[in-house]
Amino acid sequence: MNDAQIIRLLASVIAQSAPLMLAVTGETITERAGVINLSLDGTMLLAAMSGFVVALKSSEALATRGIDGDLLPVLIGFGSAALIGATAALLVAWGSIRLKQDQVAIGFVLTLLLADIANFLGQNYTRMPGPSVKHLPIPFLRDIPIIGPIFFEHDLLIYLTFVIVGFSWWWMYRTQPGLRMRGVGERPESAFVRGVKVNQIRYAYTAIGGALVGLAGAAYSLDIKLGWSDNHILGIGWIALAIVIFGGWRPVRGALGAVLYGVTKTLATQLQQSFPEVPVVLFNTLQWLLMLGVLLLVGSNAIKRLVDIAPKPLQRPLARALRVAPPQALGQAFLED
């Protein structure tokens, strides 16, 4: 494999990881506010289906009026997907905050329901061609050696994903609203005493996080895995939930986890091409083994032991970088009355 092939491979990893970055960032925002949304898998399937179908129907409607172009239908498709994602997430928050029901149970039932709805409503649109996000290299930046072809030879959705991840980190750790968001996820009682409307903030960030999850679903059907088919991206939502834990509920670390997952997917593809006699299913298990290993690592004392054996000057920054601790009030309903 020569240098050009390696660069193309890395560029492919970035592109394949972008929708997962969106989903991970969205769920990180939701969980940082104290709400667990386990409906990701079903939400992303329904968002992928609706995003594609709405974009397709919008394109056909515009064509009948003599209006040509794919940008507007794609934007409408993404808008519908974001709305579905926000609605599903708000159902989880409403069931917990208003109805005092368990968030985990609501999310789990919802993901099964939404997946079935997606497959039922999308059965007439399976494997149909439709609108897609257009390739949009950035002039000058694309010409930077190595970095340019890897990061700046994509489309607007990929670039927007980088911006969303960076903005989420800045908002979460460098602004007062971000501090309040983390406060309602860590110590809602203390935040409430200081005049913070805990449940309002939880609703708001749950909707924002859910909208990003919806965008991630549509990103697959309109950009990465074009079109729709039954169980189009089944399992990706569970992968995103695992990466949120791996990322320690931090946007940038979560994005790096998504890239690591993209690497395993690309590696599986390369191994499959190199060893065609090996069953495909075996290589496809790599991603699940990686996630299982991550969860076992997080749940054990391995990280603490790694910090303990490191040189003393490195122990504090290493402990901070590898810290994996959920928000203290995650999944706990808060009564403001």
Protein backbone atom coordinates (compact mmCIF):
# COMPACT_ATOMS: atom_id res chain seq x y z
CA MET A 1 0.00 0.00 0.00
CA ASN A 2 1.54 3.31 -1.09
CA ASP A 3 1.23 6.76 0.51
CA ALA A 4 -1.63 7.88 -1.73
CA GLN A 5 -3.66 4.81 -0.82
CA ILE A 6 -3.05 5.35 2.89
CA ILE A 7 -4.18 9.00 2.61
CA ARG A 8 -7.35 7.93 0.78
CA LEU A 9 -7.96 5.33 3.45
CA LEU A 10 -7.62 7.90 6.26
CA ALA A 11 -9.92 10.30 4.41
CA SER A 12 -12.48 7.50 4.16
CA VAL A 13 -12.21 6.86 7.90
CA ILE A 14 -12.97 10.53 8.63
CA ALA A 15 -15.97 10.54 6.30
CA GLN A 16 -17.36 7.28 7.67
CA SER A 17 -16.92 8.50 11.26
CA ALA A 18 -18.66 11.87 10.85
CA PRO A 19 -22.29 10.71 11.33
CA LEU A 20 -21.25 8.71 14.38
CA MET A 21 -19.51 11.81 15.75
CA LEU A 22 -22.81 13.69 15.45
CA ALA A 23 -24.72 10.97 17.29
CA VAL A 24 -22.09 10.70 20.03
CA THR A 25 -21.97 14.48 20.48
CA GLY A 26 -25.77 14.66 20.65
CA GLU A 27 -26.03 11.91 23.26
CA THR A 28 -23.14 13.43 25.23
CA ILE A 29 -25.05 16.73 25.44
CA THR A 30 -28.23 14.92 26.53
CA GLU A 31 -26.52 12.83 29.19
CA ARG A 32 -24.51 15.78 30.48
CA ALA A 33 -27.86 17.37 31.32
CA GLY A 34 -28.83 14.24 33.27
CA VAL A 35 -31.07 12.37 30.79
CA ILE A 36 -30.29 8.93 29.35
CA ASN A 37 -31.71 8.51 25.85
CA LEU A 38 -31.53 4.84 24.89
CA SER A 39 -33.73 5.34 21.83
CA LEU A 40 -30.72 6.15 19.61
CA ASP A 41 -30.78 3.03 17.47
CA GLY A 42 -34.45 3.31 16.56
CA THR A 43 -34.26 7.09 16.28
CA MET A 44 -31.37 6.94 13.82
CA LEU A 45 -33.14 4.31 11.71
CA LEU A 46 -36.33 6.37 11.53
CA ALA A 47 -34.35 9.56 10.87
CA ALA A 48 -32.37 7.85 8.09
CA MET A 49 -35.56 6.63 6.47
CA SER A 50 -37.51 9.87 6.84
CA GLY A 51 -34.57 12.04 5.81
CA PHE A 52 -34.15 10.11 2.59
CA VAL A 53 -37.85 9.81 1.77
CA VAL A 54 -38.61 13.48 2.54
CA ALA A 55 -35.64 14.58 0.43
CA LEU A 56 -36.77 12.30 -2.40
CA LYS A 57 -40.37 13.53 -2.31
CA SER A 58 -39.24 17.16 -2.04
CA SER A 59 -36.99 16.70 -5.07
CA GLU A 60 -39.85 15.19 -7.07
CA ALA A 61 -42.21 18.01 -6.03
CA LEU A 62 -39.70 20.66 -7.07
CA ALA A 63 -39.05 18.88 -10.37
CA THR A 64 -42.77 19.00 -11.25
CA ARG A 65 -42.57 22.78 -10.88
CA GLY A 66 -39.54 22.99 -13.11
CA ILE A 67 -37.13 23.67 -10.24
CA ASP A 68 -33.89 21.72 -10.49
CA GLY A 69 -31.37 21.19 -7.71
CA ASP A 70 -30.63 18.83 -4.83
CA LEU A 71 -29.61 21.26 -2.09
CA LEU A 72 -33.08 22.31 -0.92
CA PRO A 73 -34.52 18.75 -0.83
CA VAL A 74 -31.48 17.56 1.13
CA LEU A 75 -31.88 20.41 3.63
CA ILE A 76 -35.56 19.59 4.04
CA GLY A 77 -34.65 15.94 4.56
CA PHE A 78 -32.14 16.83 7.26
CA GLY A 79 -34.70 19.13 8.89
CA SER A 80 -37.26 16.33 9.12
CA ALA A 81 -34.65 13.97 10.56
CA ALA A 82 -33.63 16.53 13.21
CA LEU A 83 -37.29 17.01 14.16
CA ILE A 84 -37.76 13.26 14.57
CA GLY A 85 -34.63 13.00 16.70
CA ALA A 86 -35.68 15.89 18.95
CA THR A 87 -39.21 14.49 19.32
CA ALA A 88 -38.00 11.01 20.29
CA ALA A 89 -35.58 12.45 22.84
CA LEU A 90 -38.26 14.71 24.31
CA LEU A 91 -40.54 11.70 24.73
CA VAL A 92 -37.87 10.12 26.93
CA ALA A 93 -37.42 13.33 28.93
CA TRP A 94 -41.18 13.89 29.24
CA GLY A 95 -41.77 10.32 30.40
CA SER A 96 -39.13 10.78 33.09
CA ILE A 97 -39.76 14.35 34.21
CA ARG A 98 -43.55 14.53 33.88
CA LEU A 99 -44.67 10.91 34.24
CA LYS A 100 -41.89 9.89 36.68
CA GLN A 101 -41.10 6.75 34.68
CA ASP A 102 -37.73 5.07 34.22
CA GLN A 103 -35.67 6.68 31.42
CA VAL A 104 -33.90 3.45 30.52
CA ALA A 105 -37.14 1.51 30.09
CA ILE A 106 -38.76 4.27 28.00
CA GLY A 107 -35.73 4.58 25.73
CA PHE A 108 -35.39 0.85 25.23
CA VAL A 109 -39.06 0.38 24.28
CA LEU A 110 -38.93 3.46 22.07
CA THR A 111 -35.90 2.25 20.10
CA LEU A 112 -37.68 -1.03 19.26
CA LEU A 113 -40.86 0.81 18.27
CA LEU A 114 -39.10 3.39 16.09
CA ALA A 115 -37.03 0.74 14.31
CA ASP A 116 -40.20 -1.18 13.36
CA ILE A 117 -41.91 2.03 12.24
CA ALA A 118 -38.91 2.90 10.06
CA ASN A 119 -38.91 -0.50 8.36
CA PHE A 120 -42.69 -0.43 7.86
CA LEU A 121 -42.93 3.11 6.46
CA GLY A 122 -39.81 2.76 4.35
CA GLN A 123 -40.61 -0.57 2.69
CA ASN A 124 -41.73 1.11 -0.57
CA TYR A 125 -38.50 3.13 -0.84
CA THR A 126 -35.95 0.37 -0.44
CA ARG A 127 -32.84 0.80 -2.59
CA MET A 128 -34.27 3.69 -4.59
CA PRO A 129 -31.91 6.39 -5.92
CA GLY A 130 -32.42 9.87 -4.52
CA PRO A 131 -30.80 13.20 -3.57
CA SER A 132 -27.51 13.26 -1.71
CA VAL A 133 -25.04 15.69 -0.17
CA LYS A 134 -22.69 17.01 -2.84
CA HIS A 135 -18.91 16.77 -2.72
CA LEU A 136 -17.39 20.14 -1.74
CA PRO A 137 -13.58 20.30 -1.41
CA ILE A 138 -12.27 23.49 0.20
CA PRO A 139 -9.99 25.46 -2.18
CA PHE A 140 -6.37 25.98 -1.07
CA LEU A 141 -6.85 23.89 2.10
CA ARG A 142 -7.28 20.76 0.00
CA ASP A 143 -3.80 21.37 -1.42
CA ILE A 144 -2.04 21.14 1.95
CA PRO A 145 0.16 18.01 1.87
CA ILE A 146 -1.33 15.01 3.69
CA ILE A 147 -3.71 17.08 5.88
CA GLY A 148 -5.57 18.60 2.94
CA PRO A 149 -6.71 15.35 1.26
CA ILE A 150 -7.61 13.79 4.64
CA PHE A 151 -9.68 16.63 6.14
CA PHE A 152 -10.65 19.04 3.36
CA GLU A 153 -11.70 16.80 0.46
CA HIS A 154 -15.18 16.07 1.79
CA ASP A 155 -18.59 17.75 1.80
CA LEU A 156 -20.33 20.39 3.87
CA LEU A 157 -21.81 17.86 6.31
CA ILE A 158 -18.37 16.55 7.28
CA TYR A 159 -17.04 20.07 7.86
CA LEU A 160 -20.13 20.98 9.86
CA THR A 161 -19.56 17.93 12.06
CA PHE A 162 -16.09 19.19 13.00
CA VAL A 163 -17.59 22.58 13.87
CA ILE A 164 -20.37 21.03 15.99
CA VAL A 165 -17.90 18.91 17.98
CA GLY A 166 -15.62 21.91 18.64
CA PHE A 167 -18.52 24.23 19.45
CA SER A 168 -20.04 21.67 21.84
CA TRP A 169 -16.76 21.44 23.75
CA TRP A 170 -16.46 25.24 23.92
CA TRP A 171 -20.07 25.66 25.03
CA MET A 172 -19.83 22.92 27.64
CA TYR A 173 -16.56 24.01 29.26
CA ARG A 174 -16.12 27.69 28.44
CA THR A 175 -19.55 29.29 28.87
CA GLN A 176 -21.94 29.97 31.75
CA PRO A 177 -24.88 28.18 30.05
CA GLY A 178 -22.62 25.17 29.60
CA LEU A 179 -21.72 25.28 33.28
CA ARG A 180 -25.42 25.31 34.17
CA MET A 181 -26.00 22.37 31.85
CA ARG A 182 -23.31 20.35 33.59
CA GLY A 183 -24.66 21.51 36.94
CA VAL A 184 -28.12 20.04 36.36
CA GLY A 185 -26.49 16.77 35.35
CA GLU A 186 -24.18 16.63 38.35
CA ARG A 187 -26.00 18.29 41.25
CA PRO A 188 -29.50 19.41 40.24
CA GLU A 189 -30.42 20.28 43.83
CA SER A 190 -27.55 22.77 44.11
CA ALA A 191 -28.37 24.23 40.69
CA PHE A 192 -32.04 24.62 41.68
CA VAL A 193 -31.11 26.46 44.87
CA ARG A 194 -29.15 28.94 42.73
CA GLY A 195 -32.24 29.67 40.66
CA VAL A 196 -31.57 27.34 37.74
CA LYS A 197 -34.70 25.82 36.19
CA VAL A 198 -33.43 22.27 36.13
CA ASN A 199 -36.16 20.55 34.14
CA GLN A 200 -36.40 23.34 31.55
CA ILE A 201 -32.70 22.99 30.88
CA ARG A 202 -33.00 19.22 30.70
CA TYR A 203 -35.79 19.48 28.15
CA ALA A 204 -33.80 21.97 26.06
CA TYR A 205 -30.55 20.00 25.92
CA THR A 206 -32.35 16.70 25.46
CA ALA A 207 -34.05 18.18 22.38
CA ILE A 208 -30.76 19.57 21.04
CA GLY A 209 -28.97 16.28 21.58
CA GLY A 210 -31.83 14.35 20.00
CA ALA A 211 -31.80 16.66 16.97
CA LEU A 212 -28.11 15.89 16.44
CA VAL A 213 -28.88 12.17 16.67
CA GLY A 214 -31.55 12.65 14.01
CA LEU A 215 -29.09 14.50 11.79
CA ALA A 216 -26.67 11.60 12.23
CA GLY A 217 -29.30 9.15 10.99
CA ALA A 218 -30.02 11.22 7.90
CA ALA A 219 -26.28 11.68 7.33
CA TYR A 220 -26.03 7.96 6.58
CA SER A 221 -28.88 7.78 4.06
CA LEU A 222 -28.08 11.11 2.37
CA ASP A 223 -24.29 11.05 2.46
CA ILE A 224 -22.51 7.87 3.60
CA LYS A 225 -24.75 4.87 2.80
CA LEU A 226 -26.93 6.46 0.14
CA GLY A 227 -30.57 5.45 0.02
CA TRP A 228 -32.65 3.35 2.36
CA SER A 229 -33.00 -0.36 3.09
CA ASP A 230 -34.46 -2.37 5.97
CA ASN A 231 -32.34 -2.05 9.11
CA HIS A 232 -30.12 0.30 7.13
CA ILE A 233 -27.84 1.22 10.04
CA LEU A 234 -29.03 -1.22 12.68
CA GLY A 235 -26.72 -1.27 15.70
CA ILE A 236 -25.07 2.11 15.12
CA GLY A 237 -27.10 3.70 17.92
CA TRP A 238 -25.81 1.17 20.44
CA ILE A 239 -22.27 1.79 19.21
CA ALA A 240 -22.80 5.53 19.78
CA LEU A 241 -23.99 4.90 23.35
CA ALA A 242 -20.88 2.82 24.06
CA ILE A 243 -18.62 5.52 22.60
CA VAL A 244 -20.23 8.15 24.87
CA ILE A 245 -19.00 6.07 27.82
CA PHE A 246 -15.60 5.55 26.20
CA GLY A 247 -15.37 9.31 25.67
CA GLY A 248 -15.99 10.01 29.33
CA TRP A 249 -19.01 12.16 28.46
CA ARG A 250 -16.75 14.66 26.66
CA PRO A 251 -17.37 15.76 23.06
CA VAL A 252 -13.81 15.68 21.75
CA ARG A 253 -12.96 12.33 23.31
CA GLY A 254 -16.23 10.97 22.01
CA ALA A 255 -15.34 12.16 18.51
CA LEU A 256 -11.98 10.40 18.77
CA GLY A 257 -13.82 7.25 19.84
CA ALA A 258 -15.97 7.53 16.71
CA VAL A 259 -12.82 7.79 14.59
CA LEU A 260 -11.40 4.71 16.34
CA TYR A 261 -14.58 2.85 15.43
CA GLY A 262 -14.16 4.04 11.84
CA VAL A 263 -10.64 2.65 11.85
CA THR A 264 -11.90 -0.78 12.93
CA LYS A 265 -14.54 -0.73 10.17
CA THR A 266 -11.92 0.18 7.56
CA LEU A 267 -9.53 -2.41 8.95
CA ALA A 268 -12.24 -5.07 8.70
CA THR A 269 -12.83 -4.13 5.06
CA GLN A 270 -9.12 -4.31 4.25
CA LEU A 271 -8.73 -7.67 5.99
CA GLN A 272 -11.73 -9.01 4.11
CA GLN A 273 -10.13 -8.05 0.81
CA SER A 274 -6.81 -9.57 1.83
CA PHE A 275 -8.34 -12.81 3.15
CA PRO A 276 -11.42 -13.51 0.99
CA GLU A 277 -11.59 -17.12 2.20
CA VAL A 278 -12.43 -15.95 5.75
CA PRO A 279 -16.18 -15.45 6.41
CA VAL A 280 -17.29 -11.82 6.29
CA VAL A 281 -19.14 -12.17 9.60
CA LEU A 282 -15.86 -12.77 11.41
CA PHE A 283 -14.40 -9.42 10.33
CA ASN A 284 -17.66 -7.62 11.10
CA THR A 285 -17.38 -8.70 14.72
CA LEU A 286 -14.25 -6.56 15.17
CA GLN A 287 -16.28 -3.43 15.89
CA TRP A 288 -18.39 -5.18 18.53
CA LEU A 289 -15.34 -6.74 20.15
CA LEU A 290 -13.76 -3.29 20.32
CA MET A 291 -16.84 -1.80 22.04
CA LEU A 292 -17.04 -4.74 24.45
CA GLY A 293 -13.36 -4.33 25.29
CA VAL A 294 -13.86 -0.61 25.91
CA LEU A 295 -16.78 -1.20 28.26
CA LEU A 296 -14.85 -3.87 30.17
CA LEU A 297 -11.86 -1.53 30.41
CA VAL A 298 -14.00 1.30 31.73
CA GLY A 299 -15.72 -0.96 34.23
CA SER A 300 -12.45 -2.32 35.64
CA ASN A 301 -9.58 -0.72 37.55
CA ALA A 302 -7.27 -0.92 34.53
CA ILE A 303 -7.32 2.85 33.94
CA LYS A 304 -6.44 3.59 37.57
CA ARG A 305 -3.61 1.06 37.44
CA LEU A 306 -2.28 2.65 34.27
CA VAL A 307 -2.21 6.03 35.98
CA ASP A 308 -0.53 4.58 39.07
CA ILE A 309 2.38 3.07 37.12
CA ALA A 310 2.97 6.25 35.10
CA PRO A 311 5.78 8.66 36.14
CA LYS A 312 4.59 11.04 38.87
CA PRO A 313 4.72 14.22 36.75
CA LEU A 314 2.40 12.53 34.25
CA GLN A 315 -0.07 11.02 36.71
CA ARG A 316 -2.31 14.06 37.20
CA PRO A 317 -2.66 15.03 33.50
CA LEU A 318 -3.04 11.36 32.56
CA ALA A 319 -5.74 10.83 35.20
CA ARG A 320 -7.58 13.90 33.92
CA ALA A 321 -7.30 12.77 30.29
CA LEU A 322 -8.44 9.20 31.00
CA ARG A 323 -11.08 10.04 33.59
CA VAL A 324 -14.33 8.22 32.88
CA ALA A 325 -17.09 9.21 35.28
CA PRO A 326 -20.75 9.69 34.39
CA PRO A 327 -22.67 12.77 35.56
CA GLN A 328 -23.71 12.07 39.14
CA ALA A 329 -27.41 12.69 38.52
CA LEU A 330 -27.55 10.82 35.22
CA GLY A 331 -30.90 9.10 34.81
CA GLN A 332 -32.33 10.57 38.02
CA ALA A 333 -35.58 12.52 37.85
CA PHE A 334 -35.66 15.84 39.72
CA LEU A 335 -38.78 17.22 41.41
CA GLU A 336 -38.86 21.01 41.37
CA ASP A 337 -42.08 21.25 43.40
